[in-house]
PDB file of N, CA and C in Angstrom:
ATOM      1  N   MET A   1      35.865 -26.116   4.231  1.00  0.00           N
ATOM      2  CA  MET A   1      34.459 -26.414   4.330  1.00  0.00           C
ATOM      3  C   MET A   1      33.846 -25.784   5.577  1.00  0.00           C
ATOM      4  N   PHE A   2      34.644 -25.704   6.628  1.00  0.00           N
ATOM      5  CA  PHE A   2      34.169 -25.123   7.884  1.00  0.00           C
ATOM      6  C   PHE A   2      33.808 -23.650   7.699  1.00  0.00           C
ATOM      7  N   TRP A   3      34.661 -22.912   6.964  1.00  0.00           N
ATOM      8  CA  TRP A   3      34.395 -21.478   6.769  1.00  0.00           C
ATOM      9  C   TRP A   3      33.151 -21.230   5.921  1.00  0.00           C
ATOM     10  N   TYR A   4      32.844 -22.152   5.039  1.00  0.00           N
ATOM     11  CA  TYR A   4      31.627 -22.044   4.243  1.00  0.00           C
ATOM     12  C   TYR A   4      30.401 -22.043   5.158  1.00  0.00           C
ATOM     13  N   PHE A   5      30.354 -22.941   6.115  1.00  0.00           N
ATOM     14  CA  PHE A   5      29.220 -23.005   7.035  1.00  0.00           C
ATOM     15  C   PHE A   5      29.174 -21.800   7.977  1.00  0.00           C
ATOM     16  N   VAL A   6      30.332 -21.297   8.359  1.00  0.00           N
ATOM     17  CA  VAL A   6      30.376 -20.099   9.207  1.00  0.00           C
ATOM     18  C   VAL A   6      29.793 -18.906   8.450  1.00  0.00           C
ATOM     19  N   LYS A   7      30.225 -18.727   7.209  1.00  0.00           N
ATOM     20  CA  LYS A   7      29.689 -17.626   6.394  1.00  0.00           C
ATOM     21  C   LYS A   7      28.195 -17.805   6.157  1.00  0.00           C
ATOM     22  N   LEU A   8      27.768 -19.017   5.912  1.00  0.00           N
ATOM     23  CA  LEU A   8      26.353 -19.306   5.683  1.00  0.00           C
ATOM     24  C   LEU A   8      25.527 -18.953   6.919  1.00  0.00           C
ATOM     25  N   LEU A   9      26.009 -19.313   8.090  1.00  0.00           N
ATOM     26  CA  LEU A   9      25.281 -19.018   9.327  1.00  0.00           C
ATOM     27  C   LEU A   9      25.240 -17.523   9.644  1.00  0.00           C
ATOM     28  N   ILE A  10      26.204 -16.776   9.158  1.00  0.00           N
ATOM     29  CA  ILE A  10      26.221 -15.328   9.392  1.00  0.00           C
ATOM     30  C   ILE A  10      25.413 -14.593   8.321  1.00  0.00           C
ATOM     31  N   LEU A  11      25.628 -14.932   7.060  1.00  0.00           N
ATOM     32  CA  LEU A  11      25.022 -14.175   5.969  1.00  0.00           C
ATOM     33  C   LEU A  11      23.555 -14.525   5.705  1.00  0.00           C
ATOM     34  N   LEU A  12      23.161 -15.755   5.928  1.00  0.00           N
ATOM     35  CA  LEU A  12      21.778 -16.138   5.653  1.00  0.00           C
ATOM     36  C   LEU A  12      20.775 -15.351   6.508  1.00  0.00           C
ATOM     37  N   PRO A  13      20.948 -15.247   7.833  1.00  0.00           N
ATOM     38  CA  PRO A  13      20.013 -14.410   8.606  1.00  0.00           C
ATOM     39  C   PRO A  13      20.116 -12.924   8.250  1.00  0.00           C
ATOM     40  N   LEU A  14      21.303 -12.467   7.875  1.00  0.00           N
ATOM     41  CA  LEU A  14      21.477 -11.069   7.487  1.00  0.00           C
ATOM     42  C   LEU A  14      20.686 -10.751   6.212  1.00  0.00           C
ATOM     43  N   VAL A  15      20.805 -11.591   5.205  1.00  0.00           N
ATOM     44  CA  VAL A  15      20.077 -11.379   3.952  1.00  0.00           C
ATOM     45  C   VAL A  15      18.569 -11.528   4.184  1.00  0.00           C
ATOM     46  N   GLY A  16      18.169 -12.508   4.972  1.00  0.00           N
ATOM     47  CA  GLY A  16      16.750 -12.680   5.291  1.00  0.00           C
ATOM     48  C   GLY A  16      16.187 -11.476   6.030  1.00  0.00           C
ATOM     49  N   GLY A  17      16.932 -10.938   6.967  1.00  0.00           N
ATOM     50  CA  GLY A  17      16.493  -9.738   7.694  1.00  0.00           C
ATOM     51  C   GLY A  17      16.390  -8.522   6.790  1.00  0.00           C
ATOM     52  N   MET A  18      17.321  -8.380   5.870  1.00  0.00           N
ATOM     53  CA  MET A  18      17.255  -7.256   4.933  1.00  0.00           C
ATOM     54  C   MET A  18      16.053  -7.386   4.006  1.00  0.00           C
ATOM     55  N   ALA A  19      15.747  -8.606   3.560  1.00  0.00           N
ATOM     56  CA  ALA A  19      14.577  -8.813   2.699  1.00  0.00           C
ATOM     57  C   ALA A  19      13.297  -8.511   3.475  1.00  0.00           C
ATOM     58  N   PHE A  20      13.216  -8.989   4.701  1.00  0.00           N
ATOM     59  CA  PHE A  20      12.044  -8.715   5.532  1.00  0.00           C
ATOM     60  C   PHE A  20      11.894  -7.215   5.774  1.00  0.00           C
ATOM     61  N   GLY A  21      12.985  -6.529   6.071  1.00  0.00           N
ATOM     62  CA  GLY A  21      12.937  -5.088   6.292  1.00  0.00           C
ATOM     63  C   GLY A  21      12.519  -4.319   5.049  1.00  0.00           C
ATOM     64  N   ALA A  22      13.003  -4.737   3.892  1.00  0.00           N
ATOM     65  CA  ALA A  22      12.622  -4.067   2.643  1.00  0.00           C
ATOM     66  C   ALA A  22      11.138  -4.258   2.353  1.00  0.00           C
ATOM     67  N   LEU A  23      10.615  -5.450   2.556  1.00  0.00           N
ATOM     68  CA  LEU A  23       9.188  -5.692   2.345  1.00  0.00           C
ATOM     69  C   LEU A  23       8.338  -4.918   3.344  1.00  0.00           C
ATOM     70  N   TRP A  24       8.788  -4.843   4.587  1.00  0.00           N
ATOM     71  CA  TRP A  24       8.048  -4.088   5.604  1.00  0.00           C
ATOM     72  C   TRP A  24       8.011  -2.601   5.246  1.00  0.00           C
ATOM     73  N   LEU A  25       9.138  -2.053   4.809  1.00  0.00           N
ATOM     74  CA  LEU A  25       9.181  -0.643   4.413  1.00  0.00           C
ATOM     75  C   LEU A  25       8.325  -0.378   3.184  1.00  0.00           C
ATOM     76  N   TRP A  26       8.349  -1.286   2.203  1.00  0.00           N
ATOM     77  CA  TRP A  26       7.541  -1.103   1.000  1.00  0.00           C
ATOM     78  C   TRP A  26       6.062  -1.104   1.345  1.00  0.00           C
ATOM     79  N   ARG A  27       5.652  -1.994   2.228  1.00  0.00           N
ATOM     80  CA  ARG A  27       4.241  -2.030   2.614  1.00  0.00           C
ATOM     81  C   ARG A  27       3.853  -0.798   3.417  1.00  0.00           C
ATOM     82  N   LYS A  28       4.726  -0.325   4.266  1.00  0.00           N
ATOM     83  CA  LYS A  28       4.419   0.838   5.099  1.00  0.00           C
ATOM     84  C   LYS A  28       4.358   2.116   4.271  1.00  0.00           C
ATOM     85  N   TYR A  29       5.250   2.261   3.314  1.00  0.00           N
ATOM     86  CA  TYR A  29       5.315   3.476   2.500  1.00  0.00           C
ATOM     87  C   TYR A  29       5.052   3.161   1.032  1.00  0.00           C
ATOM     88  N   GLN A  30       3.896   2.594   0.739  1.00  0.00           N
ATOM     89  CA  GLN A  30       3.549   2.262  -0.643  1.00  0.00           C
ATOM     90  C   GLN A  30       3.447   3.527  -1.474  1.00  0.00           C
ATOM     91  N   PRO A  31       3.788   3.445  -2.754  1.00  0.00           N
ATOM     92  CA  PRO A  31       3.641   4.607  -3.631  1.00  0.00           C
ATOM     93  C   PRO A  31       2.192   5.061  -3.677  1.00  0.00           C
ATOM     94  N   GLY A  32       1.993   6.355  -3.601  1.00  0.00           N
ATOM     95  CA  GLY A  32       0.645   6.907  -3.624  1.00  0.00           C
ATOM     96  C   GLY A  32       0.049   7.098  -2.244  1.00  0.00           C
ATOM     97  N   MET A  33       0.683   6.549  -1.219  1.00  0.00           N
ATOM     98  CA  MET A  33       0.149   6.669   0.129  1.00  0.00           C
ATOM     99  C   MET A  33       1.046   7.559   0.995  1.00  0.00           C
ATOM    100  N   MET A  34       1.965   8.240   0.379  1.00  0.00           N
ATOM    101  CA  MET A  34       2.905   9.068   1.117  1.00  0.00           C
ATOM    102  C   MET A  34       2.230  10.350   1.615  1.00  0.00           C
ATOM    103  N   VAL A  35       2.792  10.906   2.666  1.00  0.00           N
ATOM    104  CA  VAL A  35       2.318  12.178   3.189  1.00  0.00           C
ATOM    105  C   VAL A  35       2.686  13.268   2.191  1.00  0.00           C
ATOM    106  N   GLY A  36       1.906  14.336   2.130  1.00  0.00           N
ATOM    107  CA  GLY A  36       2.205  15.416   1.211  1.00  0.00           C
ATOM    108  C   GLY A  36       1.207  15.487   0.080  1.00  0.00           C
ATOM    109  N   GLN A  37       0.025  14.954   0.304  1.00  0.00           N
ATOM    110  CA  GLN A  37      -0.992  14.989  -0.719  1.00  0.00           C
ATOM    111  C   GLN A  37      -1.938  16.169  -0.527  1.00  0.00           C
ATOM    112  N   SER A  38      -1.618  17.099   0.340  1.00  0.00           N
ATOM    113  CA  SER A  38      -2.542  18.177   0.674  1.00  0.00           C
ATOM    114  C   SER A  38      -2.787  19.135  -0.487  1.00  0.00           C
ATOM    115  N   ASP A  39      -1.848  19.293  -1.411  1.00  0.00           N
ATOM    116  CA  ASP A  39      -2.024  20.233  -2.514  1.00  0.00           C
ATOM    117  C   ASP A  39      -2.507  19.569  -3.802  1.00  0.00           C
ATOM    118  N   ARG A  40      -2.899  18.317  -3.747  1.00  0.00           N
ATOM    119  CA  ARG A  40      -3.349  17.598  -4.933  1.00  0.00           C
ATOM    120  C   ARG A  40      -4.871  17.640  -5.036  1.00  0.00           C
ATOM    121  N   SER A  41      -5.385  17.552  -6.246  1.00  0.00           N
ATOM    122  CA  SER A  41      -6.834  17.538  -6.434  1.00  0.00           C
ATOM    123  C   SER A  41      -7.412  16.148  -6.197  1.00  0.00           C
ATOM    124  N   LEU A  42      -6.584  15.120  -6.277  1.00  0.00           N
ATOM    125  CA  LEU A  42      -7.006  13.748  -6.008  1.00  0.00           C
ATOM    126  C   LEU A  42      -6.215  13.239  -4.818  1.00  0.00           C
ATOM    127  N   LYS A  43      -6.921  12.801  -3.775  1.00  0.00           N
ATOM    128  CA  LYS A  43      -6.254  12.314  -2.571  1.00  0.00           C
ATOM    129  C   LYS A  43      -6.696  10.892  -2.289  1.00  0.00           C
ATOM    130  N   VAL A  44      -5.731  10.016  -2.002  1.00  0.00           N
ATOM    131  CA  VAL A  44      -6.037   8.659  -1.569  1.00  0.00           C
ATOM    132  C   VAL A  44      -6.194   8.718  -0.056  1.00  0.00           C
ATOM    133  N   LEU A  45      -7.420   8.548   0.420  1.00  0.00           N
ATOM    134  CA  LEU A  45      -7.680   8.644   1.849  1.00  0.00           C
ATOM    135  C   LEU A  45      -7.356   7.357   2.581  1.00  0.00           C
ATOM    136  N   GLU A  46      -7.699   6.231   1.959  1.00  0.00           N
ATOM    137  CA  GLU A  46      -7.471   4.945   2.601  1.00  0.00           C
ATOM    138  C   GLU A  46      -7.459   3.849   1.545  1.00  0.00           C
ATOM    139  N   ALA A  47      -6.683   2.807   1.784  1.00  0.00           N
ATOM    140  CA  ALA A  47      -6.654   1.647   0.894  1.00  0.00           C
ATOM    141  C   ALA A  47      -6.616   0.397   1.750  1.00  0.00           C
ATOM    142  N   LEU A  48      -7.445  -0.581   1.386  1.00  0.00           N
ATOM    143  CA  LEU A  48      -7.550  -1.826   2.145  1.00  0.00           C
ATOM    144  C   LEU A  48      -7.305  -2.998   1.200  1.00  0.00           C
ATOM    145  N   PRO A  49      -6.257  -3.803   1.462  1.00  0.00           N
ATOM    146  CA  PRO A  49      -6.005  -4.959   0.597  1.00  0.00           C
ATOM    147  C   PRO A  49      -7.134  -5.975   0.713  1.00  0.00           C
ATOM    148  N   MET A  50      -7.564  -6.512  -0.428  1.00  0.00           N
ATOM    149  CA  MET A  50      -8.615  -7.530  -0.476  1.00  0.00           C
ATOM    150  C   MET A  50      -8.095  -8.687  -1.331  1.00  0.00           C
ATOM    151  N   GLY A  51      -7.541  -9.673  -0.715  1.00  0.00           N
ATOM    152  CA  GLY A  51      -7.011 -10.806  -1.459  1.00  0.00           C
ATOM    153  C   GLY A  51      -5.608 -10.534  -1.969  1.00  0.00           C
ATOM    154  N   THR A  52      -5.218 -11.312  -2.963  1.00  0.00           N
ATOM    155  CA  THR A  52      -3.847 -11.244  -3.462  1.00  0.00           C
ATOM    156  C   THR A  52      -3.581 -10.013  -4.314  1.00  0.00           C
ATOM    157  N   PHE A  53      -4.498  -9.697  -5.233  1.00  0.00           N
ATOM    158  CA  PHE A  53      -4.226  -8.622  -6.172  1.00  0.00           C
ATOM    159  C   PHE A  53      -5.225  -7.473  -6.106  1.00  0.00           C
ATOM    160  N   GLY A  54      -6.207  -7.520  -5.225  1.00  0.00           N
ATOM    161  CA  GLY A  54      -7.236  -6.490  -5.202  1.00  0.00           C
ATOM    162  C   GLY A  54      -7.134  -5.575  -4.001  1.00  0.00           C
ATOM    163  N   LYS A  55      -7.695  -4.382  -4.153  1.00  0.00           N
ATOM    164  CA  LYS A  55      -7.746  -3.400  -3.072  1.00  0.00           C
ATOM    165  C   LYS A  55      -9.065  -2.660  -3.141  1.00  0.00           C
ATOM    166  N   LEU A  56      -9.530  -2.212  -1.995  1.00  0.00           N
ATOM    167  CA  LEU A  56     -10.596  -1.225  -1.938  1.00  0.00           C
ATOM    168  C   LEU A  56      -9.922   0.077  -1.557  1.00  0.00           C
ATOM    169  N   ALA A  57     -10.242   1.138  -2.270  1.00  0.00           N
ATOM    170  CA  ALA A  57      -9.610   2.425  -2.008  1.00  0.00           C
ATOM    171  C   ALA A  57     -10.681   3.503  -1.917  1.00  0.00           C
ATOM    172  N   VAL A  58     -10.503   4.404  -0.961  1.00  0.00           N
ATOM    173  CA  VAL A  58     -11.361   5.577  -0.850  1.00  0.00           C
ATOM    174  C   VAL A  58     -10.521   6.766  -1.288  1.00  0.00           C
ATOM    175  N   VAL A  59     -10.985   7.455  -2.334  1.00  0.00           N
ATOM    176  CA  VAL A  59     -10.290   8.631  -2.824  1.00  0.00           C
ATOM    177  C   VAL A  59     -11.220   9.834  -2.722  1.00  0.00           C
ATOM    178  N   GLU A  60     -10.632  11.002  -2.611  1.00  0.00           N
ATOM    179  CA  GLU A  60     -11.406  12.239  -2.589  1.00  0.00           C
ATOM    180  C   GLU A  60     -11.060  13.030  -3.837  1.00  0.00           C
ATOM    181  N   PHE A  61     -12.103  13.403  -4.587  1.00  0.00           N
ATOM    182  CA  PHE A  61     -11.920  14.152  -5.815  1.00  0.00           C
ATOM    183  C   PHE A  61     -13.025  15.195  -5.900  1.00  0.00           C
ATOM    184  N   GLU A  62     -12.636  16.462  -6.031  1.00  0.00           N
ATOM    185  CA  GLU A  62     -13.557  17.594  -6.109  1.00  0.00           C
ATOM    186  C   GLU A  62     -14.573  17.582  -4.970  1.00  0.00           C
ATOM    187  N   GLY A  63     -14.107  17.288  -3.772  1.00  0.00           N
ATOM    188  CA  GLY A  63     -14.966  17.330  -2.587  1.00  0.00           C
ATOM    189  C   GLY A  63     -15.843  16.117  -2.390  1.00  0.00           C
ATOM    190  N   LYS A  64     -15.720  15.101  -3.234  1.00  0.00           N
ATOM    191  CA  LYS A  64     -16.536  13.897  -3.100  1.00  0.00           C
ATOM    192  C   LYS A  64     -15.640  12.714  -2.762  1.00  0.00           C
ATOM    193  N   LYS A  65     -16.147  11.845  -1.924  1.00  0.00           N
ATOM    194  CA  LYS A  65     -15.434  10.625  -1.598  1.00  0.00           C
ATOM    195  C   LYS A  65     -15.965   9.514  -2.489  1.00  0.00           C
ATOM    196  N   ILE A  66     -15.036   8.771  -3.106  1.00  0.00           N
ATOM    197  CA  ILE A  66     -15.394   7.717  -4.048  1.00  0.00           C
ATOM    198  C   ILE A  66     -14.731   6.422  -3.591  1.00  0.00           C
ATOM    199  N   LEU A  67     -15.543   5.344  -3.511  1.00  0.00           N
ATOM    200  CA  LEU A  67     -15.035   4.021  -3.168  1.00  0.00           C
ATOM    201  C   LEU A  67     -14.723   3.286  -4.461  1.00  0.00           C
ATOM    202  N   LEU A  68     -13.467   2.832  -4.598  1.00  0.00           N
ATOM    203  CA  LEU A  68     -13.009   2.172  -5.822  1.00  0.00           C
ATOM    204  C   LEU A  68     -12.571   0.747  -5.533  1.00  0.00           C
ATOM    205  N   SER A  69     -12.826  -0.124  -6.488  1.00  0.00           N
ATOM    206  CA  SER A  69     -12.296  -1.475  -6.479  1.00  0.00           C
ATOM    207  C   SER A  69     -11.121  -1.485  -7.452  1.00  0.00           C
ATOM    208  N   VAL A  70      -9.945  -1.824  -6.955  1.00  0.00           N
ATOM    209  CA  VAL A  70      -8.733  -1.780  -7.779  1.00  0.00           C
ATOM    210  C   VAL A  70      -8.167  -3.192  -7.880  1.00  0.00           C
ATOM    211  N   THR A  71      -8.041  -3.691  -9.113  1.00  0.00           N
ATOM    212  CA  THR A  71      -7.396  -4.972  -9.369  1.00  0.00           C
ATOM    213  C   THR A  71      -6.291  -4.746 -10.391  1.00  0.00           C
ATOM    214  N   ARG A  72      -5.627  -5.810 -10.774  1.00  0.00           N
ATOM    215  CA  ARG A  72      -4.533  -5.668 -11.744  1.00  0.00           C
ATOM    216  C   ARG A  72      -4.994  -5.090 -13.062  1.00  0.00           C
ATOM    217  N   GLY A  73      -6.144  -5.520 -13.552  1.00  0.00           N
ATOM    218  CA  GLY A  73      -6.560  -5.127 -14.880  1.00  0.00           C
ATOM    219  C   GLY A  73      -7.638  -4.072 -14.940  1.00  0.00           C
ATOM    220  N   LYS A  74      -8.208  -3.673 -13.782  1.00  0.00           N
ATOM    221  CA  LYS A  74      -9.357  -2.787 -13.868  1.00  0.00           C
ATOM    222  C   LYS A  74      -9.557  -2.006 -12.573  1.00  0.00           C
ATOM    223  N   ILE A  75     -10.125  -0.810 -12.721  1.00  0.00           N
ATOM    224  CA  ILE A  75     -10.525   0.030 -11.596  1.00  0.00           C
ATOM    225  C   ILE A  75     -11.999   0.365 -11.793  1.00  0.00           C
ATOM    226  N   GLU A  76     -12.812   0.050 -10.786  1.00  0.00           N
ATOM    227  CA  GLU A  76     -14.251   0.293 -10.888  1.00  0.00           C
ATOM    228  C   GLU A  76     -14.728   1.146  -9.734  1.00  0.00           C
ATOM    229  N   LYS A  77     -15.673   2.048 -10.027  1.00  0.00           N
ATOM    230  CA  LYS A  77     -16.300   2.856  -8.987  1.00  0.00           C
ATOM    231  C   LYS A  77     -17.415   2.024  -8.366  1.00  0.00           C
ATOM    232  N   ILE A  78     -17.365   1.847  -7.054  1.00  0.00           N
ATOM    233  CA  ILE A  78     -18.383   1.064  -6.355  1.00  0.00           C
ATOM    234  C   ILE A  78     -19.459   1.977  -5.792  1.00  0.00           C
ATOM    235  N   ALA A  79     -19.024   3.046  -5.120  1.00  0.00           N
ATOM    236  CA  ALA A  79     -19.991   3.948  -4.497  1.00  0.00           C
ATOM    237  C   ALA A  79     -19.395   5.341  -4.427  1.00  0.00           C
ATOM    238  N   GLU A  80     -20.283   6.301  -4.274  1.00  0.00           N
ATOM    239  CA  GLU A  80     -19.872   7.697  -4.134  1.00  0.00           C
ATOM    240  C   GLU A  80     -20.577   8.254  -2.912  1.00  0.00           C
ATOM    241  N   GLY A  81     -19.823   8.899  -2.044  1.00  0.00           N
ATOM    242  CA  GLY A  81     -20.394   9.431  -0.819  1.00  0.00           C
ATOM    243  C   GLY A  81     -20.376  10.940  -0.799  1.00  0.00           C
ATOM    244  N   ASP A  82     -21.252  11.497   0.023  1.00  0.00           N
ATOM    245  CA  ASP A  82     -21.330  12.942   0.214  1.00  0.00           C
ATOM    246  C   ASP A  82     -20.523  13.287   1.462  1.00  0.00           C
ATOM    247  N   PRO A  83     -19.446  14.070   1.344  1.00  0.00           N
ATOM    248  CA  PRO A  83     -18.608  14.357   2.511  1.00  0.00           C
ATOM    249  C   PRO A  83     -19.292  15.270   3.522  1.00  0.00           C
ATOM    250  N   TYR A  84     -20.387  15.922   3.125  1.00  0.00           N
ATOM    251  CA  TYR A  84     -21.040  16.872   4.027  1.00  0.00           C
ATOM    252  C   TYR A  84     -22.144  16.214   4.841  1.00  0.00           C
ATOM    253  N   ARG A  85     -22.454  14.961   4.564  1.00  0.00           N
ATOM    254  CA  ARG A  85     -23.491  14.256   5.295  1.00  0.00           C
ATOM    255  C   ARG A  85     -22.988  13.927   6.696  1.00  0.00           C
ATOM    256  N   ALA A  86     -23.886  13.955   7.691  1.00  0.00           N
ATOM    257  CA  ALA A  86     -23.512  13.658   9.081  1.00  0.00           C
ATOM    258  C   ALA A  86     -23.004  12.239   9.206  1.00  0.00           C
ATOM    259  N   ARG A  87     -22.003  12.070  10.046  1.00  0.00           N
ATOM    260  CA  ARG A  87     -21.416  10.735  10.217  1.00  0.00           C
ATOM    261  C   ARG A  87     -22.023  10.063  11.402  1.00  0.00           C
TER     262      ARG A  87
END
């Protein structure tokens, strides 16, 4: 019984740390946000989480910046900006 508790005290923080590290890496390097989008016609410039399942995303397509609302079931265009306008 003693060895069971020893293994539990060693393995439980190890498994918890690995889960935390995997979640941190997934959030840092989400699919679609990786470097190397320079040769694509559609670029994800920025994404901001909004709540549990929603995101606001700014994408660039054919020289225009488009603000999108992304949820589980739908993607909607909110606004379109002119990239040549003064900031």
